[in-house]
C-alpha cells in the first residue's frame, strides 16, 4: 500500500491554506490582513490590486487553527468525492466562482471584512446532495440539506457573532446552481462529462 495524492485540487487548496495560516501565525503576522481579507464596502477600493485579489484569496485565509479545522474537516470529507465525481478542473472552477461571488457580494452589502473557506464548504455541501441525481427528479437529500444548512444559517444570521452566515448562504446557493446545471447538462455528472466546464 502507498499514500496517494488522490484529490489534487482539494489537497493543494488545503496545503496552501495551511501554509498561509502557519506563515501568518509565525513570520508574517500581517499576511492575512494584507492578502486574504476582503475589506468591507467602506474600505474596499477598485484601485487597489490587493483588494481585488482578496475577492478570491479570502477563501484561502483563516484567522486561526480552529477556524481552519472547522472549514477543512468538511472540505476534506466532501471535496475528494466531488472531485472524483465532477473532475478536478470543474471543481476548481466551482470553488473559484464561489469564492469570487461571496467576496464581491460581501463588498456590495456589508461593512464587515470576509475571511475563510466557509462559502466554498457550503457550496460543496449543497453540491454533494446532487451526486445521485436522476433526470427529471429533485433529490430529497438536496431539499433537506437546503433546509438544514442554508435555513439554519438564515436563522443564525440574526445572532450577534463574527460569522458570515451570508457567505454560507451564498456558497449554498452557488452549490445548488452548480448542482442543477451539472444535472441538466449530464444527468448528475461524471468525471468525463464534467471536465469540459
N, C-alpha and C. Protein backbone atom coordinates (compact mmCIF):
# COMPACT_ATOMS: atom_id res chain seq x y z
N UNK A 1 0.83 -1.19 0.00
CA UNK A 1 0.00 0.00 0.00
C UNK A 1 0.88 1.25 0.00
N UNK A 2 0.35 2.30 -0.66
CA UNK A 2 1.09 3.55 -0.69
C UNK A 2 0.13 4.71 -0.54
N UNK A 3 0.63 5.81 -0.06
CA UNK A 3 -0.18 7.02 0.08
C UNK A 3 -0.23 7.72 -1.27
N UNK A 4 -1.42 8.12 -1.69
CA UNK A 4 -1.58 8.78 -2.99
C UNK A 4 -2.12 10.19 -2.81
N UNK A 5 -1.76 11.02 -3.73
CA UNK A 5 -2.27 12.41 -3.78
C UNK A 5 -3.59 12.34 -4.55
N UNK A 6 -4.61 11.77 -3.89
CA UNK A 6 -5.83 11.33 -4.55
C UNK A 6 -6.77 12.43 -5.00
N UNK A 7 -6.62 13.62 -4.49
CA UNK A 7 -7.54 14.71 -4.81
C UNK A 7 -6.72 15.99 -4.98
N UNK A 8 -6.12 16.19 -6.15
CA UNK A 8 -5.15 17.27 -6.30
C UNK A 8 -5.67 18.66 -5.98
N UNK A 9 -6.88 18.99 -6.40
CA UNK A 9 -7.41 20.33 -6.14
C UNK A 9 -7.65 20.51 -4.64
N UNK A 10 -8.33 19.57 -4.03
CA UNK A 10 -8.66 19.69 -2.61
C UNK A 10 -7.41 19.66 -1.74
N UNK A 11 -6.50 18.76 -2.03
CA UNK A 11 -5.28 18.66 -1.21
C UNK A 11 -4.38 19.88 -1.39
N UNK A 12 -4.24 20.35 -2.62
CA UNK A 12 -3.42 21.55 -2.85
C UNK A 12 -4.02 22.76 -2.17
N UNK A 13 -5.33 22.92 -2.27
CA UNK A 13 -6.04 24.01 -1.59
C UNK A 13 -5.81 23.94 -0.08
N UNK A 14 -5.92 22.75 0.47
CA UNK A 14 -5.71 22.55 1.91
C UNK A 14 -4.29 22.93 2.31
N UNK A 15 -3.32 22.47 1.56
CA UNK A 15 -1.92 22.75 1.90
C UNK A 15 -1.57 24.22 1.75
N UNK A 16 -2.09 24.87 0.71
CA UNK A 16 -1.85 26.31 0.54
C UNK A 16 -2.48 27.09 1.70
N UNK A 17 -3.70 26.74 2.07
CA UNK A 17 -4.36 27.42 3.19
C UNK A 17 -3.64 27.20 4.51
N UNK A 18 -3.20 25.97 4.73
CA UNK A 18 -2.45 25.67 5.95
C UNK A 18 -1.12 26.43 5.96
N UNK A 19 -0.43 26.46 4.83
CA UNK A 19 0.82 27.20 4.74
C UNK A 19 0.65 28.68 5.00
N UNK A 20 -0.41 29.27 4.44
CA UNK A 20 -0.69 30.69 4.66
C UNK A 20 -0.97 30.95 6.14
N UNK A 21 -1.73 30.06 6.77
CA UNK A 21 -2.04 30.23 8.19
C UNK A 21 -0.77 30.13 9.04
N UNK A 22 0.06 29.15 8.78
CA UNK A 22 1.30 29.00 9.55
C UNK A 22 2.19 30.23 9.39
N UNK A 23 2.33 30.71 8.16
CA UNK A 23 3.13 31.91 7.93
C UNK A 23 2.57 33.11 8.68
N UNK A 24 1.24 33.25 8.68
CA UNK A 24 0.63 34.40 9.35
C UNK A 24 0.77 34.33 10.87
N UNK A 25 0.84 33.13 11.40
CA UNK A 25 0.98 32.96 12.85
C UNK A 25 2.43 32.97 13.32
N UNK A 26 3.36 32.98 12.37
CA UNK A 26 4.78 32.94 12.74
C UNK A 26 5.53 34.16 12.21
N UNK A 27 6.00 34.10 10.98
CA UNK A 27 6.91 35.12 10.47
C UNK A 27 6.26 36.29 9.72
N UNK A 28 5.01 36.14 9.30
CA UNK A 28 4.33 37.21 8.55
C UNK A 28 2.99 37.55 9.21
N UNK A 29 3.00 38.21 10.35
CA UNK A 29 1.76 38.43 11.11
C UNK A 29 0.69 39.25 10.38
N UNK A 30 1.07 40.05 9.39
CA UNK A 30 0.07 40.84 8.68
C UNK A 30 -0.37 40.21 7.36
N UNK A 31 0.05 38.98 7.11
CA UNK A 31 -0.25 38.30 5.84
C UNK A 31 -1.75 38.18 5.59
N UNK A 32 -2.50 37.73 6.58
CA UNK A 32 -3.95 37.54 6.40
C UNK A 32 -4.64 38.87 6.07
N UNK A 33 -4.33 39.87 6.85
CA UNK A 33 -4.99 41.16 6.65
C UNK A 33 -4.64 41.77 5.30
N UNK A 34 -3.40 41.60 4.87
CA UNK A 34 -2.96 42.24 3.62
C UNK A 34 -3.42 41.50 2.37
N UNK A 35 -3.41 40.15 2.37
CA UNK A 35 -3.63 39.41 1.13
C UNK A 35 -4.79 38.43 1.14
N UNK A 36 -5.45 38.25 2.30
CA UNK A 36 -6.51 37.24 2.36
C UNK A 36 -7.81 37.75 3.00
N UNK A 37 -7.89 38.99 3.31
CA UNK A 37 -9.06 39.56 3.98
C UNK A 37 -9.75 40.54 3.03
N UNK A 38 -10.99 40.23 2.65
CA UNK A 38 -11.75 41.17 1.81
C UNK A 38 -12.26 42.28 2.72
N UNK A 39 -11.89 43.52 2.42
CA UNK A 39 -12.40 44.62 3.25
C UNK A 39 -13.91 44.79 3.07
N UNK A 40 -14.54 45.41 4.03
CA UNK A 40 -15.96 45.74 3.90
C UNK A 40 -16.15 46.83 2.86
N UNK A 41 -17.42 47.15 2.58
CA UNK A 41 -17.71 48.07 1.46
C UNK A 41 -17.12 49.46 1.64
N UNK A 42 -17.00 49.95 2.87
CA UNK A 42 -16.43 51.29 3.07
C UNK A 42 -14.93 51.33 2.82
N UNK A 43 -14.25 50.22 3.03
CA UNK A 43 -12.79 50.17 2.92
C UNK A 43 -12.29 49.58 1.60
N UNK A 44 -13.18 49.02 0.81
CA UNK A 44 -12.77 48.37 -0.44
C UNK A 44 -12.54 49.42 -1.53
N UNK A 45 -11.48 49.22 -2.31
CA UNK A 45 -11.19 50.13 -3.42
C UNK A 45 -10.83 49.33 -4.66
N UNK A 46 -11.50 49.64 -5.77
CA UNK A 46 -11.17 49.00 -7.04
C UNK A 46 -9.80 49.41 -7.55
N UNK A 47 -9.25 50.47 -6.99
CA UNK A 47 -7.91 50.92 -7.38
C UNK A 47 -6.81 50.11 -6.72
N UNK A 48 -7.17 49.32 -5.74
CA UNK A 48 -6.20 48.52 -5.00
C UNK A 48 -6.15 47.10 -5.58
N UNK A 49 -5.02 46.76 -6.17
CA UNK A 49 -4.83 45.40 -6.69
C UNK A 49 -5.00 44.38 -5.56
N UNK A 50 -4.48 44.73 -4.39
CA UNK A 50 -4.59 43.84 -3.24
C UNK A 50 -6.05 43.57 -2.89
N UNK A 51 -6.90 44.60 -2.90
CA UNK A 51 -8.32 44.41 -2.61
C UNK A 51 -8.97 43.50 -3.64
N UNK A 52 -8.62 43.67 -4.90
CA UNK A 52 -9.21 42.85 -5.97
C UNK A 52 -8.78 41.39 -5.81
N UNK A 53 -7.51 41.18 -5.51
CA UNK A 53 -7.00 39.81 -5.31
C UNK A 53 -7.74 39.13 -4.16
N UNK A 54 -8.01 39.86 -3.10
CA UNK A 54 -8.66 39.24 -1.93
C UNK A 54 -10.10 38.82 -2.20
N UNK A 55 -10.70 39.29 -3.29
CA UNK A 55 -12.04 38.83 -3.64
C UNK A 55 -12.08 37.32 -3.83
N UNK A 56 -10.94 36.73 -4.16
CA UNK A 56 -10.84 35.27 -4.31
C UNK A 56 -10.00 34.66 -3.20
N UNK A 57 -8.90 35.31 -2.84
CA UNK A 57 -7.97 34.69 -1.88
C UNK A 57 -8.52 34.62 -0.46
N UNK A 58 -9.60 35.34 -0.17
CA UNK A 58 -10.18 35.25 1.18
C UNK A 58 -10.54 33.82 1.53
N UNK A 59 -10.82 32.99 0.52
CA UNK A 59 -11.18 31.60 0.77
C UNK A 59 -9.97 30.75 1.16
N UNK A 60 -8.78 31.30 1.04
CA UNK A 60 -7.56 30.61 1.47
C UNK A 60 -7.22 30.97 2.91
N UNK A 61 -7.49 32.20 3.30
CA UNK A 61 -7.09 32.69 4.62
C UNK A 61 -8.00 32.24 5.75
N UNK A 62 -7.41 32.10 6.93
CA UNK A 62 -8.15 31.73 8.15
C UNK A 62 -7.54 32.46 9.34
N UNK A 63 -8.37 32.76 10.31
CA UNK A 63 -7.94 33.55 11.46
C UNK A 63 -7.05 32.76 12.42
N UNK A 64 -7.32 31.47 12.57
CA UNK A 64 -6.57 30.64 13.50
C UNK A 64 -6.78 29.17 13.14
N UNK A 65 -6.17 28.27 13.92
CA UNK A 65 -6.28 26.84 13.60
C UNK A 65 -7.70 26.32 13.79
N UNK A 66 -8.44 26.83 14.76
CA UNK A 66 -9.82 26.39 14.94
C UNK A 66 -10.66 26.73 13.71
N UNK A 67 -10.50 27.94 13.21
CA UNK A 67 -11.21 28.38 12.01
C UNK A 67 -10.84 27.49 10.82
N UNK A 68 -9.56 27.21 10.66
CA UNK A 68 -9.07 26.35 9.58
C UNK A 68 -9.66 24.94 9.70
N UNK A 69 -9.57 24.35 10.89
CA UNK A 69 -10.04 22.97 11.09
C UNK A 69 -11.55 22.88 10.87
N UNK A 70 -12.30 23.87 11.33
CA UNK A 70 -13.75 23.81 11.17
C UNK A 70 -14.15 23.83 9.69
N UNK A 71 -13.39 24.51 8.85
CA UNK A 71 -13.69 24.52 7.42
C UNK A 71 -13.13 23.29 6.70
N UNK A 72 -11.89 22.95 6.98
CA UNK A 72 -11.24 21.92 6.18
C UNK A 72 -11.59 20.51 6.62
N UNK A 73 -12.14 20.32 7.80
CA UNK A 73 -12.60 18.98 8.15
C UNK A 73 -13.73 18.56 7.20
N UNK A 74 -14.66 19.45 6.95
CA UNK A 74 -15.74 19.15 5.99
C UNK A 74 -15.24 19.14 4.56
N UNK A 75 -14.36 20.08 4.22
CA UNK A 75 -13.85 20.16 2.87
C UNK A 75 -13.09 18.89 2.49
N UNK A 76 -12.34 18.34 3.43
CA UNK A 76 -11.57 17.13 3.15
C UNK A 76 -12.45 15.87 3.11
N UNK A 77 -13.62 15.94 3.70
CA UNK A 77 -14.56 14.82 3.61
C UNK A 77 -15.32 14.85 2.29
N UNK A 78 -15.86 16.01 1.94
CA UNK A 78 -16.69 16.13 0.74
C UNK A 78 -15.88 16.33 -0.54
N UNK A 79 -14.81 17.10 -0.45
CA UNK A 79 -14.07 17.50 -1.64
C UNK A 79 -13.57 16.36 -2.51
N UNK A 80 -12.88 15.36 -1.95
CA UNK A 80 -12.38 14.28 -2.80
C UNK A 80 -13.47 13.53 -3.55
N UNK A 81 -14.59 13.28 -2.89
CA UNK A 81 -15.70 12.60 -3.56
C UNK A 81 -16.22 13.45 -4.73
N UNK A 82 -16.36 14.76 -4.49
CA UNK A 82 -16.87 15.64 -5.55
C UNK A 82 -15.85 15.85 -6.65
N UNK A 83 -14.57 15.88 -6.30
CA UNK A 83 -13.53 16.00 -7.32
C UNK A 83 -13.51 14.75 -8.21
N UNK A 84 -13.71 13.59 -7.62
CA UNK A 84 -13.80 12.35 -8.40
C UNK A 84 -15.04 12.36 -9.28
N UNK A 85 -16.14 12.84 -8.75
CA UNK A 85 -17.43 12.82 -9.47
C UNK A 85 -17.47 13.84 -10.61
N UNK A 86 -17.04 15.06 -10.33
CA UNK A 86 -17.17 16.14 -11.31
C UNK A 86 -15.88 16.43 -12.08
N UNK A 87 -14.75 15.99 -11.57
CA UNK A 87 -13.47 16.25 -12.21
C UNK A 87 -12.75 17.42 -11.55
N UNK A 88 -11.44 17.39 -11.61
CA UNK A 88 -10.61 18.39 -10.93
C UNK A 88 -10.82 19.80 -11.47
N UNK A 89 -10.80 19.95 -12.80
CA UNK A 89 -10.95 21.28 -13.38
C UNK A 89 -12.32 21.88 -13.09
N UNK A 90 -13.33 21.05 -13.18
CA UNK A 90 -14.69 21.51 -12.91
C UNK A 90 -14.83 21.95 -11.45
N UNK A 91 -14.31 21.16 -10.52
CA UNK A 91 -14.40 21.52 -9.11
C UNK A 91 -13.60 22.79 -8.83
N UNK A 92 -12.42 22.91 -9.40
CA UNK A 92 -11.62 24.12 -9.22
C UNK A 92 -12.38 25.35 -9.72
N UNK A 93 -13.02 25.24 -10.87
CA UNK A 93 -13.83 26.33 -11.41
C UNK A 93 -14.95 26.71 -10.44
N UNK A 94 -15.67 25.71 -9.92
CA UNK A 94 -16.78 25.97 -8.99
C UNK A 94 -16.29 26.63 -7.70
N UNK A 95 -15.15 26.20 -7.20
CA UNK A 95 -14.59 26.79 -5.99
C UNK A 95 -14.18 28.24 -6.25
N UNK A 96 -13.54 28.49 -7.38
CA UNK A 96 -13.11 29.84 -7.74
C UNK A 96 -14.31 30.78 -7.86
N UNK A 97 -15.33 30.35 -8.59
CA UNK A 97 -16.52 31.18 -8.78
C UNK A 97 -17.21 31.45 -7.45
N UNK A 98 -17.32 30.44 -6.61
CA UNK A 98 -17.96 30.62 -5.30
C UNK A 98 -17.20 31.63 -4.45
N UNK A 99 -15.87 31.52 -4.43
CA UNK A 99 -15.06 32.47 -3.66
C UNK A 99 -15.25 33.89 -4.21
N UNK A 100 -15.23 34.03 -5.52
CA UNK A 100 -15.39 35.35 -6.14
C UNK A 100 -16.76 35.94 -5.86
N UNK A 101 -17.80 35.15 -6.01
CA UNK A 101 -19.17 35.64 -5.78
C UNK A 101 -19.36 36.06 -4.33
N UNK A 102 -18.90 35.24 -3.39
CA UNK A 102 -19.06 35.61 -1.97
C UNK A 102 -18.25 36.86 -1.65
N UNK A 103 -17.04 36.97 -2.23
CA UNK A 103 -16.22 38.17 -2.00
C UNK A 103 -16.87 39.43 -2.54
N UNK A 104 -17.36 39.37 -3.78
CA UNK A 104 -17.98 40.53 -4.42
C UNK A 104 -19.25 40.94 -3.68
N UNK A 105 -20.10 39.97 -3.36
CA UNK A 105 -21.35 40.31 -2.68
C UNK A 105 -21.10 40.85 -1.27
N UNK A 106 -20.07 40.35 -0.60
CA UNK A 106 -19.73 40.90 0.71
C UNK A 106 -19.36 42.38 0.59
N UNK A 107 -18.59 42.73 -0.43
CA UNK A 107 -18.18 44.12 -0.64
C UNK A 107 -19.39 45.00 -0.94
N UNK A 108 -20.34 44.48 -1.70
CA UNK A 108 -21.53 45.26 -2.05
C UNK A 108 -22.45 45.51 -0.86
N UNK A 109 -22.58 44.51 0.03
CA UNK A 109 -23.64 44.58 1.04
C UNK A 109 -23.18 44.78 2.48
N UNK A 110 -21.92 44.53 2.79
CA UNK A 110 -21.52 44.53 4.20
C UNK A 110 -20.32 45.42 4.48
N UNK A 111 -20.32 45.99 5.66
CA UNK A 111 -19.20 46.81 6.13
C UNK A 111 -18.12 45.95 6.77
N UNK A 112 -18.46 44.72 7.08
CA UNK A 112 -17.51 43.82 7.73
C UNK A 112 -16.63 43.11 6.72
N UNK A 113 -15.43 42.76 7.13
CA UNK A 113 -14.49 42.05 6.27
C UNK A 113 -14.90 40.58 6.16
N UNK A 114 -14.31 39.89 5.20
CA UNK A 114 -14.61 38.48 4.96
C UNK A 114 -13.31 37.69 4.89
N UNK A 115 -13.27 36.56 5.60
CA UNK A 115 -12.08 35.71 5.63
C UNK A 115 -12.52 34.27 5.84
N UNK A 116 -12.02 33.36 5.02
CA UNK A 116 -12.26 31.93 5.25
C UNK A 116 -12.91 31.21 4.10
N UNK A 117 -12.90 29.88 4.21
CA UNK A 117 -13.38 28.99 3.15
C UNK A 117 -14.82 28.53 3.34
N UNK A 118 -15.54 29.11 4.27
CA UNK A 118 -16.86 28.57 4.59
C UNK A 118 -17.85 28.67 3.44
N UNK A 119 -17.75 29.70 2.59
CA UNK A 119 -18.62 29.77 1.42
C UNK A 119 -18.37 28.59 0.49
N UNK A 120 -17.10 28.25 0.29
CA UNK A 120 -16.74 27.11 -0.54
C UNK A 120 -17.23 25.81 0.10
N UNK A 121 -17.11 25.70 1.41
CA UNK A 121 -17.57 24.50 2.11
C UNK A 121 -19.08 24.33 1.92
N UNK A 122 -19.84 25.39 2.07
CA UNK A 122 -21.29 25.30 1.89
C UNK A 122 -21.65 24.98 0.44
N UNK A 123 -20.86 25.47 -0.50
CA UNK A 123 -21.07 25.09 -1.90
C UNK A 123 -20.92 23.58 -2.05
N UNK A 124 -19.87 23.02 -1.44
CA UNK A 124 -19.63 21.58 -1.52
C UNK A 124 -20.75 20.78 -0.86
N UNK A 125 -21.25 21.27 0.27
CA UNK A 125 -22.33 20.57 0.99
C UNK A 125 -23.56 20.44 0.10
N UNK A 126 -23.97 21.55 -0.53
CA UNK A 126 -25.16 21.51 -1.38
C UNK A 126 -24.89 20.73 -2.66
N UNK A 127 -23.71 20.89 -3.22
CA UNK A 127 -23.35 20.16 -4.44
C UNK A 127 -23.35 18.66 -4.19
N UNK A 128 -22.91 18.23 -3.02
CA UNK A 128 -22.86 16.81 -2.69
C UNK A 128 -24.24 16.16 -2.72
N UNK A 129 -25.27 16.93 -2.43
CA UNK A 129 -26.62 16.37 -2.42
C UNK A 129 -27.13 16.06 -3.83
N UNK A 130 -26.37 16.44 -4.87
CA UNK A 130 -26.75 16.16 -6.25
C UNK A 130 -26.01 14.96 -6.84
N UNK A 131 -25.15 14.31 -6.10
CA UNK A 131 -24.30 13.28 -6.69
C UNK A 131 -25.09 12.07 -7.19
N UNK A 132 -26.27 11.82 -6.66
CA UNK A 132 -27.06 10.69 -7.16
C UNK A 132 -28.35 11.18 -7.85
N UNK A 133 -28.23 12.30 -8.53
CA UNK A 133 -29.36 12.91 -9.24
C UNK A 133 -29.78 12.06 -10.43
N UNK A 134 -31.10 11.98 -10.64
CA UNK A 134 -31.66 11.36 -11.85
C UNK A 134 -32.47 12.41 -12.58
N UNK A 135 -32.39 12.39 -13.90
CA UNK A 135 -33.06 13.39 -14.73
C UNK A 135 -34.55 13.43 -14.42
N UNK A 136 -35.07 14.65 -14.31
CA UNK A 136 -36.49 14.84 -14.04
C UNK A 136 -36.87 14.75 -12.58
N UNK A 137 -35.90 14.61 -11.70
CA UNK A 137 -36.16 14.48 -10.26
C UNK A 137 -35.39 15.54 -9.49
N UNK A 138 -35.90 15.90 -8.34
CA UNK A 138 -35.17 16.75 -7.40
C UNK A 138 -34.88 15.87 -6.19
N UNK A 139 -33.62 15.67 -5.87
CA UNK A 139 -33.30 14.78 -4.74
C UNK A 139 -33.83 15.32 -3.41
N UNK A 140 -34.50 14.46 -2.66
CA UNK A 140 -34.97 14.84 -1.33
C UNK A 140 -33.80 15.23 -0.44
N UNK A 141 -32.65 14.60 -0.65
CA UNK A 141 -31.46 14.97 0.14
C UNK A 141 -31.11 16.44 -0.08
N UNK A 142 -31.26 16.92 -1.32
CA UNK A 142 -30.98 18.33 -1.60
C UNK A 142 -31.94 19.22 -0.80
N UNK A 143 -33.22 18.89 -0.81
CA UNK A 143 -34.22 19.71 -0.09
C UNK A 143 -33.91 19.73 1.41
N UNK A 144 -33.60 18.57 1.96
CA UNK A 144 -33.30 18.50 3.40
C UNK A 144 -32.02 19.24 3.75
N UNK A 145 -30.98 19.08 2.94
CA UNK A 145 -29.72 19.79 3.18
C UNK A 145 -29.94 21.29 3.05
N UNK A 146 -30.72 21.70 2.07
CA UNK A 146 -31.04 23.12 1.89
C UNK A 146 -31.73 23.68 3.13
N UNK A 147 -32.70 22.96 3.65
CA UNK A 147 -33.43 23.41 4.83
C UNK A 147 -32.52 23.44 6.05
N UNK A 148 -31.79 22.35 6.27
CA UNK A 148 -30.96 22.24 7.48
C UNK A 148 -29.78 23.20 7.48
N UNK A 149 -29.04 23.23 6.38
CA UNK A 149 -27.83 24.05 6.36
C UNK A 149 -28.11 25.51 6.02
N UNK A 150 -28.75 25.75 4.90
CA UNK A 150 -28.99 27.15 4.49
C UNK A 150 -30.06 27.78 5.38
N UNK A 151 -31.10 27.03 5.70
CA UNK A 151 -32.13 27.54 6.61
C UNK A 151 -31.55 27.84 7.99
N UNK A 152 -30.69 26.95 8.47
CA UNK A 152 -30.04 27.18 9.76
C UNK A 152 -29.17 28.42 9.75
N UNK A 153 -28.50 28.67 8.65
CA UNK A 153 -27.67 29.87 8.53
C UNK A 153 -28.53 31.13 8.47
N UNK A 154 -29.67 31.04 7.82
CA UNK A 154 -30.58 32.20 7.76
C UNK A 154 -31.06 32.55 9.17
N UNK A 155 -31.38 31.55 9.96
CA UNK A 155 -31.81 31.79 11.35
C UNK A 155 -30.64 32.34 12.17
N UNK A 156 -29.45 31.76 11.99
CA UNK A 156 -28.27 32.19 12.74
C UNK A 156 -27.82 33.61 12.38
N UNK A 157 -28.24 34.09 11.22
CA UNK A 157 -27.79 35.41 10.78
C UNK A 157 -28.28 36.52 11.71
N UNK A 158 -29.27 36.21 12.55
CA UNK A 158 -29.76 37.20 13.50
C UNK A 158 -28.96 37.22 14.79
N UNK A 159 -28.05 36.24 14.96
CA UNK A 159 -27.19 36.19 16.14
C UNK A 159 -26.10 37.25 16.04
N UNK A 160 -25.67 37.73 17.19
CA UNK A 160 -24.56 38.69 17.22
C UNK A 160 -23.25 37.90 17.34
N UNK A 161 -22.60 37.69 16.19
CA UNK A 161 -21.35 36.92 16.17
C UNK A 161 -20.45 37.44 15.06
N UNK A 162 -19.30 36.86 14.92
CA UNK A 162 -18.38 37.29 13.86
C UNK A 162 -18.31 36.27 12.73
N UNK A 163 -19.41 35.56 12.50
CA UNK A 163 -19.51 34.56 11.44
C UNK A 163 -20.31 35.16 10.28
N UNK A 164 -19.84 34.95 9.06
CA UNK A 164 -20.55 35.45 7.89
C UNK A 164 -21.54 34.40 7.40
N UNK A 165 -22.72 34.40 8.02
CA UNK A 165 -23.76 33.48 7.56
C UNK A 165 -24.12 33.77 6.11
N UNK A 166 -23.98 35.03 5.70
CA UNK A 166 -24.26 35.41 4.32
C UNK A 166 -23.36 34.63 3.36
N UNK A 167 -22.07 34.50 3.67
CA UNK A 167 -21.15 33.73 2.82
C UNK A 167 -21.57 32.27 2.77
N UNK A 168 -22.05 31.74 3.88
CA UNK A 168 -22.53 30.36 3.91
C UNK A 168 -23.73 30.20 2.99
N UNK A 169 -24.66 31.13 3.10
CA UNK A 169 -25.88 31.07 2.28
C UNK A 169 -25.53 31.19 0.80
N UNK A 170 -24.69 32.17 0.46
CA UNK A 170 -24.30 32.36 -0.94
C UNK A 170 -23.54 31.13 -1.46
N UNK A 171 -22.67 30.57 -0.64
CA UNK A 171 -21.98 29.33 -1.03
C UNK A 171 -22.97 28.21 -1.31
N UNK A 172 -23.98 28.09 -0.44
CA UNK A 172 -25.03 27.09 -0.65
C UNK A 172 -25.81 27.33 -1.93
N UNK A 173 -26.11 28.58 -2.22
CA UNK A 173 -26.82 28.93 -3.47
C UNK A 173 -25.94 28.55 -4.67
N UNK A 174 -24.65 28.87 -4.59
CA UNK A 174 -23.74 28.50 -5.69
C UNK A 174 -23.72 26.99 -5.88
N UNK A 175 -23.61 26.24 -4.80
CA UNK A 175 -23.61 24.78 -4.89
C UNK A 175 -24.89 24.24 -5.50
N UNK A 176 -26.02 24.86 -5.14
CA UNK A 176 -27.32 24.44 -5.70
C UNK A 176 -27.36 24.72 -7.19
N UNK A 177 -26.93 25.91 -7.58
CA UNK A 177 -26.94 26.27 -9.00
C UNK A 177 -26.00 25.37 -9.81
N UNK A 178 -24.81 25.12 -9.27
CA UNK A 178 -23.88 24.22 -9.96
C UNK A 178 -24.48 22.81 -10.06
N UNK A 179 -25.10 22.35 -8.99
CA UNK A 179 -25.70 21.02 -9.00
C UNK A 179 -26.80 20.90 -10.03
N UNK A 180 -27.70 21.88 -10.09
CA UNK A 180 -28.76 21.86 -11.09
C UNK A 180 -28.19 21.96 -12.50
N UNK A 181 -27.19 22.82 -12.69
CA UNK A 181 -26.59 22.98 -14.02
C UNK A 181 -25.92 21.69 -14.46
N UNK A 182 -25.17 21.07 -13.57
CA UNK A 182 -24.48 19.82 -13.91
C UNK A 182 -25.49 18.72 -14.20
N UNK A 183 -26.55 18.67 -13.40
CA UNK A 183 -27.57 17.65 -13.59
C UNK A 183 -28.29 17.84 -14.92
N UNK A 184 -28.60 19.08 -15.27
CA UNK A 184 -29.27 19.35 -16.54
C UNK A 184 -28.37 19.05 -17.72
N UNK A 185 -27.07 19.28 -17.55
CA UNK A 185 -26.13 19.08 -18.66
C UNK A 185 -25.79 17.61 -18.87
N UNK A 186 -25.77 16.84 -17.78
CA UNK A 186 -25.30 15.47 -17.97
C UNK A 186 -25.95 14.44 -17.07
N UNK A 187 -27.10 14.75 -16.52
CA UNK A 187 -27.77 13.76 -15.70
C UNK A 187 -27.07 13.45 -14.40
N UNK A 188 -26.44 14.44 -13.79
CA UNK A 188 -25.81 14.23 -12.49
C UNK A 188 -24.31 14.34 -12.53
N UNK A 189 -23.76 14.22 -13.71
CA UNK A 189 -22.34 14.48 -13.85
C UNK A 189 -21.47 13.27 -13.60
N UNK A 190 -20.45 13.17 -14.40
CA UNK A 190 -19.38 12.20 -14.17
C UNK A 190 -18.09 12.93 -14.43
N UNK A 191 -17.01 12.34 -14.03
CA UNK A 191 -15.72 12.99 -14.24
C UNK A 191 -15.51 13.31 -15.72
N UNK A 192 -15.85 12.38 -16.58
CA UNK A 192 -15.62 12.59 -18.01
C UNK A 192 -16.51 13.67 -18.59
N UNK A 193 -17.79 13.66 -18.21
CA UNK A 193 -18.71 14.62 -18.82
C UNK A 193 -18.55 16.03 -18.27
N UNK A 194 -17.97 16.19 -17.10
CA UNK A 194 -17.89 17.50 -16.49
C UNK A 194 -16.51 18.15 -16.61
N UNK A 195 -15.53 17.45 -17.09
CA UNK A 195 -14.22 18.07 -17.26
C UNK A 195 -14.27 19.21 -18.25
N UNK A 196 -15.27 19.21 -19.12
CA UNK A 196 -15.35 20.25 -20.15
C UNK A 196 -15.65 21.63 -19.59
N UNK A 197 -16.23 21.72 -18.40
CA UNK A 197 -16.59 23.03 -17.85
C UNK A 197 -15.41 23.89 -17.56
